[in-house]
PDB file of all heavy atoms in Angstrom:
ATOM      1  N   THR A   1      -5.908 -14.370  -4.498  1.00  0.00           N
ATOM      2  CA  THR A   1      -5.998 -13.013  -3.975  1.00  0.00           C
ATOM      3  C   THR A   1      -6.411 -13.002  -2.525  1.00  0.00           C
ATOM      4  O   THR A   1      -5.846 -12.272  -1.705  1.00  0.00           O
ATOM      5  CB  THR A   1      -7.000 -12.191  -4.813  1.00  0.00           C
ATOM      6  OG1 THR A   1      -6.617 -12.273  -6.199  1.00  0.00           O
ATOM      7  CG2 THR A   1      -7.049 -10.742  -4.399  1.00  0.00           C
ATOM      8  N   ASP A   2      -7.368 -13.851  -2.158  1.00  0.00           N
ATOM      9  CA  ASP A   2      -7.805 -13.930  -0.760  1.00  0.00           C
ATOM     10  C   ASP A   2      -6.654 -14.305   0.170  1.00  0.00           C
ATOM     11  O   ASP A   2      -6.510 -13.738   1.253  1.00  0.00           O
ATOM     12  CB  ASP A   2      -8.949 -14.955  -0.595  1.00  0.00           C
ATOM     13  CG  ASP A   2     -10.268 -14.444  -1.163  1.00  0.00           C
ATOM     14  OD1 ASP A   2     -10.409 -13.236  -1.394  1.00  0.00           O
ATOM     15  OD2 ASP A   2     -11.144 -15.299  -1.395  1.00  0.00           O
ATOM     16  N   GLU A   3      -5.856 -15.264  -0.245  1.00  0.00           N
ATOM     17  CA  GLU A   3      -4.717 -15.692   0.582  1.00  0.00           C
ATOM     18  C   GLU A   3      -3.664 -14.577   0.673  1.00  0.00           C
ATOM     19  O   GLU A   3      -3.127 -14.333   1.759  1.00  0.00           O
ATOM     20  CB  GLU A   3      -4.095 -16.967   0.010  1.00  0.00           C
ATOM     21  CG  GLU A   3      -4.979 -18.189   0.159  1.00  0.00           C
ATOM     22  CD  GLU A   3      -4.478 -19.390  -0.630  1.00  0.00           C
ATOM     23  OE1 GLU A   3      -3.909 -19.214  -1.723  1.00  0.00           O
ATOM     24  OE2 GLU A   3      -4.677 -20.512  -0.132  1.00  0.00           O
ATOM     25  N   PHE A   4      -3.385 -13.894  -0.434  1.00  0.00           N
ATOM     26  CA  PHE A   4      -2.417 -12.799  -0.380  1.00  0.00           C
ATOM     27  C   PHE A   4      -2.873 -11.718   0.588  1.00  0.00           C
ATOM     28  O   PHE A   4      -2.078 -11.209   1.371  1.00  0.00           O
ATOM     29  CB  PHE A   4      -2.182 -12.198  -1.758  1.00  0.00           C
ATOM     30  CG  PHE A   4      -1.621 -13.168  -2.777  1.00  0.00           C
ATOM     31  CD1 PHE A   4      -2.067 -13.135  -4.095  1.00  0.00           C
ATOM     32  CD2 PHE A   4      -0.662 -14.087  -2.452  1.00  0.00           C
ATOM     33  CE1 PHE A   4      -1.571 -14.001  -5.045  1.00  0.00           C
ATOM     34  CE2 PHE A   4      -0.148 -14.975  -3.395  1.00  0.00           C
ATOM     35  CZ  PHE A   4      -0.606 -14.931  -4.683  1.00  0.00           C
ATOM     36  N   LEU A   5      -4.128 -11.366   0.518  1.00  0.00           N
ATOM     37  CA  LEU A   5      -4.652 -10.330   1.411  1.00  0.00           C
ATOM     38  C   LEU A   5      -4.663 -10.782   2.863  1.00  0.00           C
ATOM     39  O   LEU A   5      -4.379 -10.002   3.777  1.00  0.00           O
ATOM     40  CB  LEU A   5      -6.058  -9.910   0.961  1.00  0.00           C
ATOM     41  CG  LEU A   5      -6.115  -9.190  -0.381  1.00  0.00           C
ATOM     42  CD1 LEU A   5      -7.562  -8.946  -0.804  1.00  0.00           C
ATOM     43  CD2 LEU A   5      -5.318  -7.884  -0.361  1.00  0.00           C
ATOM     44  N   GLN A   6      -4.981 -12.054   3.081  1.00  0.00           N
ATOM     45  CA  GLN A   6      -5.026 -12.603   4.445  1.00  0.00           C
ATOM     46  C   GLN A   6      -3.628 -12.639   5.067  1.00  0.00           C
ATOM     47  O   GLN A   6      -3.467 -12.326   6.238  1.00  0.00           O
ATOM     48  CB  GLN A   6      -5.624 -14.007   4.423  1.00  0.00           C
ATOM     49  CG  GLN A   6      -5.684 -14.654   5.784  1.00  0.00           C
ATOM     50  CD  GLN A   6      -6.209 -16.075   5.734  1.00  0.00           C
ATOM     51  OE1 GLN A   6      -6.591 -16.597   4.701  1.00  0.00           O
ATOM     52  NE2 GLN A   6      -6.201 -16.752   6.874  1.00  0.00           N
ATOM     53  N   PHE A   7      -2.630 -13.053   4.295  1.00  0.00           N
ATOM     54  CA  PHE A   7      -1.305 -13.308   4.859  1.00  0.00           C
ATOM     55  C   PHE A   7      -0.332 -12.148   4.739  1.00  0.00           C
ATOM     56  O   PHE A   7       0.719 -12.161   5.362  1.00  0.00           O
ATOM     57  CB  PHE A   7      -0.691 -14.560   4.229  1.00  0.00           C
ATOM     58  CG  PHE A   7      -1.494 -15.810   4.458  1.00  0.00           C
ATOM     59  CD1 PHE A   7      -1.785 -16.684   3.428  1.00  0.00           C
ATOM     60  CD2 PHE A   7      -1.981 -16.124   5.718  1.00  0.00           C
ATOM     61  CE1 PHE A   7      -2.521 -17.823   3.631  1.00  0.00           C
ATOM     62  CE2 PHE A   7      -2.740 -17.277   5.952  1.00  0.00           C
ATOM     63  CZ  PHE A   7      -3.001 -18.110   4.896  1.00  0.00           C
ATOM     64  N   SER A   8      -0.649 -11.141   3.919  1.00  0.00           N
ATOM     65  CA  SER A   8       0.261 -10.008   3.758  1.00  0.00           C
ATOM     66  C   SER A   8       0.108  -9.025   4.908  1.00  0.00           C
ATOM     67  O   SER A   8      -0.994  -8.762   5.369  1.00  0.00           O
ATOM     68  CB  SER A   8       0.004  -9.288   2.442  1.00  0.00           C
ATOM     69  OG  SER A   8       0.856  -8.158   2.356  1.00  0.00           O
ATOM     70  N   MET A   9       1.215  -8.493   5.363  1.00  0.00           N
ATOM     71  CA  MET A   9       1.200  -7.442   6.357  1.00  0.00           C
ATOM     72  C   MET A   9       1.584  -6.103   5.732  1.00  0.00           C
ATOM     73  O   MET A   9       1.757  -5.110   6.414  1.00  0.00           O
ATOM     74  CB  MET A   9       2.161  -7.770   7.515  1.00  0.00           C
ATOM     75  CG  MET A   9       1.778  -9.029   8.261  1.00  0.00           C
ATOM     76  SD  MET A   9       0.090  -8.927   8.910  1.00  0.00           S
ATOM     77  CE  MET A   9      -0.379 -10.639   8.907  1.00  0.00           C
ATOM     78  N   VAL A  10       1.747  -6.078   4.413  1.00  0.00           N
ATOM     79  CA  VAL A  10       2.009  -4.847   3.671  1.00  0.00           C
ATOM     80  C   VAL A  10       0.633  -4.225   3.403  1.00  0.00           C
ATOM     81  O   VAL A  10      -0.248  -4.881   2.821  1.00  0.00           O
ATOM     82  CB  VAL A  10       2.753  -5.145   2.350  1.00  0.00           C
ATOM     83  CG1 VAL A  10       2.812  -3.916   1.476  1.00  0.00           C
ATOM     84  CG2 VAL A  10       4.141  -5.680   2.632  1.00  0.00           C
ATOM     85  N   GLU A  11       0.433  -3.002   3.850  1.00  0.00           N
ATOM     86  CA  GLU A  11      -0.857  -2.377   3.731  1.00  0.00           C
ATOM     87  C   GLU A  11      -0.993  -1.603   2.413  1.00  0.00           C
ATOM     88  O   GLU A  11      -0.032  -1.024   1.950  1.00  0.00           O
ATOM     89  CB  GLU A  11      -1.101  -1.431   4.925  1.00  0.00           C
ATOM     90  CG  GLU A  11      -1.142  -2.177   6.235  1.00  0.00           C
ATOM     91  CD  GLU A  11      -1.314  -1.257   7.436  1.00  0.00           C
ATOM     92  OE1 GLU A  11      -1.503  -0.032   7.237  1.00  0.00           O
ATOM     93  OE2 GLU A  11      -1.255  -1.770   8.546  1.00  0.00           O
ATOM     94  N   GLN A  12      -2.202  -1.615   1.870  1.00  0.00           N
ATOM     95  CA  GLN A  12      -2.480  -0.917   0.628  1.00  0.00           C
ATOM     96  C   GLN A  12      -3.479   0.229   0.875  1.00  0.00           C
ATOM     97  O   GLN A  12      -4.259   0.167   1.811  1.00  0.00           O
ATOM     98  CB  GLN A  12      -3.158  -1.852  -0.376  1.00  0.00           C
ATOM     99  CG  GLN A  12      -2.310  -2.959  -0.891  1.00  0.00           C
ATOM    100  CD  GLN A  12      -3.129  -3.809  -1.862  1.00  0.00           C
ATOM    101  OE1 GLN A  12      -4.006  -4.545  -1.446  1.00  0.00           O
ATOM    102  NE2 GLN A  12      -2.855  -3.682  -3.142  1.00  0.00           N
ATOM    103  N   SER A  13      -3.433   1.204  -0.014  1.00  0.00           N
ATOM    104  CA  SER A  13      -4.406   2.282   0.023  1.00  0.00           C
ATOM    105  C   SER A  13      -4.605   2.780  -1.386  1.00  0.00           C
ATOM    106  O   SER A  13      -3.654   3.215  -2.053  1.00  0.00           O
ATOM    107  CB  SER A  13      -3.919   3.414   0.924  1.00  0.00           C
ATOM    108  OG  SER A  13      -4.698   4.572   0.717  1.00  0.00           O
ATOM    109  N   ALA A  14      -5.840   2.745  -1.856  1.00  0.00           N
ATOM    110  CA  ALA A  14      -6.142   3.286  -3.178  1.00  0.00           C
ATOM    111  C   ALA A  14      -5.859   4.786  -3.223  1.00  0.00           C
ATOM    112  O   ALA A  14      -5.437   5.312  -4.237  1.00  0.00           O
ATOM    113  CB  ALA A  14      -7.582   2.998  -3.552  1.00  0.00           C
ATOM    114  N   ALA A  15      -6.036   5.464  -2.104  1.00  0.00           N
ATOM    115  CA  ALA A  15      -5.793   6.906  -2.049  1.00  0.00           C
ATOM    116  C   ALA A  15      -4.282   7.229  -1.996  1.00  0.00           C
ATOM    117  O   ALA A  15      -3.897   8.360  -2.262  1.00  0.00           O
ATOM    118  CB  ALA A  15      -6.477   7.511  -0.830  1.00  0.00           C
ATOM    119  N   GLY A  16      -3.470   6.214  -1.714  1.00  0.00           N
ATOM    120  CA  GLY A  16      -2.016   6.410  -1.581  1.00  0.00           C
ATOM    121  C   GLY A  16      -1.376   6.981  -2.838  1.00  0.00           C
ATOM    122  O   GLY A  16      -0.341   7.668  -2.761  1.00  0.00           O
ATOM    123  N   LYS A  17      -1.968   6.769  -3.968  1.00  0.00           N
ATOM    124  CA  LYS A  17      -1.385   7.269  -5.213  1.00  0.00           C
ATOM    125  C   LYS A  17      -1.399   8.793  -5.287  1.00  0.00           C
ATOM    126  O   LYS A  17      -0.686   9.387  -6.097  1.00  0.00           O
ATOM    127  CB  LYS A  17      -2.087   6.665  -6.430  1.00  0.00           C
ATOM    128  CG  LYS A  17      -3.531   7.031  -6.581  1.00  0.00           C
ATOM    129  CD  LYS A  17      -4.135   6.281  -7.756  1.00  0.00           C
ATOM    130  CE  LYS A  17      -5.647   6.371  -7.752  1.00  0.00           C
ATOM    131  NZ  LYS A  17      -6.222   5.352  -8.611  1.00  0.00           N
ATOM    132  N   TYR A  18      -2.185   9.452  -4.425  1.00  0.00           N
ATOM    133  CA  TYR A  18      -2.233  10.906  -4.414  1.00  0.00           C
ATOM    134  C   TYR A  18      -1.262  11.537  -3.415  1.00  0.00           C
ATOM    135  O   TYR A  18      -1.178  12.756  -3.325  1.00  0.00           O
ATOM    136  CB  TYR A  18      -3.679  11.374  -4.135  1.00  0.00           C
ATOM    137  CG  TYR A  18      -4.622  10.901  -5.212  1.00  0.00           C
ATOM    138  CD1 TYR A  18      -5.544   9.899  -4.944  1.00  0.00           C
ATOM    139  CD2 TYR A  18      -4.559  11.434  -6.499  1.00  0.00           C
ATOM    140  CE1 TYR A  18      -6.411   9.439  -5.947  1.00  0.00           C
ATOM    141  CE2 TYR A  18      -5.420  10.969  -7.495  1.00  0.00           C
ATOM    142  CZ  TYR A  18      -6.334   9.979  -7.213  1.00  0.00           C
ATOM    143  OH  TYR A  18      -7.176   9.545  -8.189  1.00  0.00           O
ATOM    144  N   ALA A  19      -0.546  10.693  -2.681  1.00  0.00           N
ATOM    145  CA  ALA A  19       0.436  11.211  -1.722  1.00  0.00           C
ATOM    146  C   ALA A  19       1.629  11.811  -2.459  1.00  0.00           C
ATOM    147  O   ALA A  19       1.877  11.539  -3.633  1.00  0.00           O
ATOM    148  CB  ALA A  19       0.903  10.074  -0.797  1.00  0.00           C
ATOM    149  N   GLN A  20       2.363  12.672  -1.768  1.00  0.00           N
ATOM    150  CA  GLN A  20       3.590  13.237  -2.328  1.00  0.00           C
ATOM    151  C   GLN A  20       4.534  12.117  -2.741  1.00  0.00           C
ATOM    152  O   GLN A  20       4.557  11.046  -2.102  1.00  0.00           O
ATOM    153  CB  GLN A  20       4.262  14.133  -1.279  1.00  0.00           C
ATOM    154  CG  GLN A  20       3.494  15.358  -0.895  1.00  0.00           C
ATOM    155  CD  GLN A  20       3.390  16.345  -2.061  1.00  0.00           C
ATOM    156  OE1 GLN A  20       4.348  16.624  -2.751  1.00  0.00           O
ATOM    157  NE2 GLN A  20       2.189  16.871  -2.256  1.00  0.00           N
ATOM    158  N   GLY A  21       5.314  12.344  -3.772  1.00  0.00           N
ATOM    159  CA  GLY A  21       6.224  11.323  -4.272  1.00  0.00           C
ATOM    160  C   GLY A  21       7.141  10.763  -3.217  1.00  0.00           C
ATOM    161  O   GLY A  21       7.315   9.537  -3.097  1.00  0.00           O
ATOM    162  N   GLN A  22       7.753  11.654  -2.399  1.00  0.00           N
ATOM    163  CA  GLN A  22       8.686  11.184  -1.371  1.00  0.00           C
ATOM    164  C   GLN A  22       7.961  10.353  -0.317  1.00  0.00           C
ATOM    165  O   GLN A  22       8.521   9.413   0.230  1.00  0.00           O
ATOM    166  CB  GLN A  22       9.487  12.322  -0.754  1.00  0.00           C
ATOM    167  CG  GLN A  22       8.685  13.296   0.096  1.00  0.00           C
ATOM    168  CD  GLN A  22       8.119  14.469  -0.712  1.00  0.00           C
ATOM    169  OE1 GLN A  22       8.012  14.412  -1.934  1.00  0.00           O
ATOM    170  NE2 GLN A  22       7.757  15.533   0.004  1.00  0.00           N
ATOM    171  N   ASP A  23       6.696  10.661  -0.068  1.00  0.00           N
ATOM    172  CA  ASP A  23       5.918   9.876   0.908  1.00  0.00           C
ATOM    173  C   ASP A  23       5.588   8.492   0.338  1.00  0.00           C
ATOM    174  O   ASP A  23       5.599   7.497   1.075  1.00  0.00           O
ATOM    175  CB  ASP A  23       4.635  10.600   1.287  1.00  0.00           C
ATOM    176  CG  ASP A  23       4.899  11.898   2.058  1.00  0.00           C
ATOM    177  OD1 ASP A  23       5.976  12.020   2.663  1.00  0.00           O
ATOM    178  OD2 ASP A  23       4.031  12.775   2.008  1.00  0.00           O
ATOM    179  N   GLN A  24       5.295   8.423  -0.940  1.00  0.00           N
ATOM    180  CA  GLN A  24       5.063   7.104  -1.569  1.00  0.00           C
ATOM    181  C   GLN A  24       6.338   6.268  -1.517  1.00  0.00           C
ATOM    182  O   GLN A  24       6.280   5.075  -1.205  1.00  0.00           O
ATOM    183  CB  GLN A  24       4.596   7.278  -3.013  1.00  0.00           C
ATOM    184  CG  GLN A  24       3.177   7.838  -3.112  1.00  0.00           C
ATOM    185  CD  GLN A  24       2.654   7.801  -4.529  1.00  0.00           C
ATOM    186  OE1 GLN A  24       2.690   6.756  -5.177  1.00  0.00           O
ATOM    187  NE2 GLN A  24       2.188   8.940  -5.026  1.00  0.00           N
ATOM    188  N   LEU A  25       7.472   6.877  -1.829  1.00  0.00           N
ATOM    189  CA  LEU A  25       8.743   6.141  -1.766  1.00  0.00           C
ATOM    190  C   LEU A  25       9.015   5.697  -0.349  1.00  0.00           C
ATOM    191  O   LEU A  25       9.392   4.527  -0.136  1.00  0.00           O
ATOM    192  CB  LEU A  25       9.886   7.000  -2.302  1.00  0.00           C
ATOM    193  CG  LEU A  25      11.285   6.390  -2.165  1.00  0.00           C
ATOM    194  CD1 LEU A  25      11.389   5.028  -2.871  1.00  0.00           C
ATOM    195  CD2 LEU A  25      12.345   7.359  -2.686  1.00  0.00           C
ATOM    196  N   PHE A  26       8.820   6.573   0.638  1.00  0.00           N
ATOM    197  CA  PHE A  26       9.096   6.164   2.013  1.00  0.00           C
ATOM    198  C   PHE A  26       8.148   5.044   2.443  1.00  0.00           C
ATOM    199  O   PHE A  26       8.524   4.163   3.188  1.00  0.00           O
ATOM    200  CB  PHE A  26       8.987   7.365   2.962  1.00  0.00           C
ATOM    201  CG  PHE A  26       9.513   7.075   4.328  1.00  0.00           C
ATOM    202  CD1 PHE A  26      10.792   6.545   4.517  1.00  0.00           C
ATOM    203  CD2 PHE A  26       8.740   7.293   5.460  1.00  0.00           C
ATOM    204  CE1 PHE A  26      11.283   6.248   5.777  1.00  0.00           C
ATOM    205  CE2 PHE A  26       9.202   6.994   6.715  1.00  0.00           C
ATOM    206  CZ  PHE A  26      10.489   6.486   6.884  1.00  0.00           C
ATOM    207  N   GLY A  27       6.927   5.059   1.936  1.00  0.00           N
ATOM    208  CA  GLY A  27       6.005   3.965   2.193  1.00  0.00           C
ATOM    209  C   GLY A  27       6.545   2.639   1.671  1.00  0.00           C
ATOM    210  O   GLY A  27       6.453   1.599   2.346  1.00  0.00           O
TER     211      GLY A  27
END
């Protein structure tokens, strides 16, 4: 997990699940 987080450039957000559906898809 540490390596995935260190090397990934894909950003995560726990709050992202509350975004509009089309915004989640565009993300």
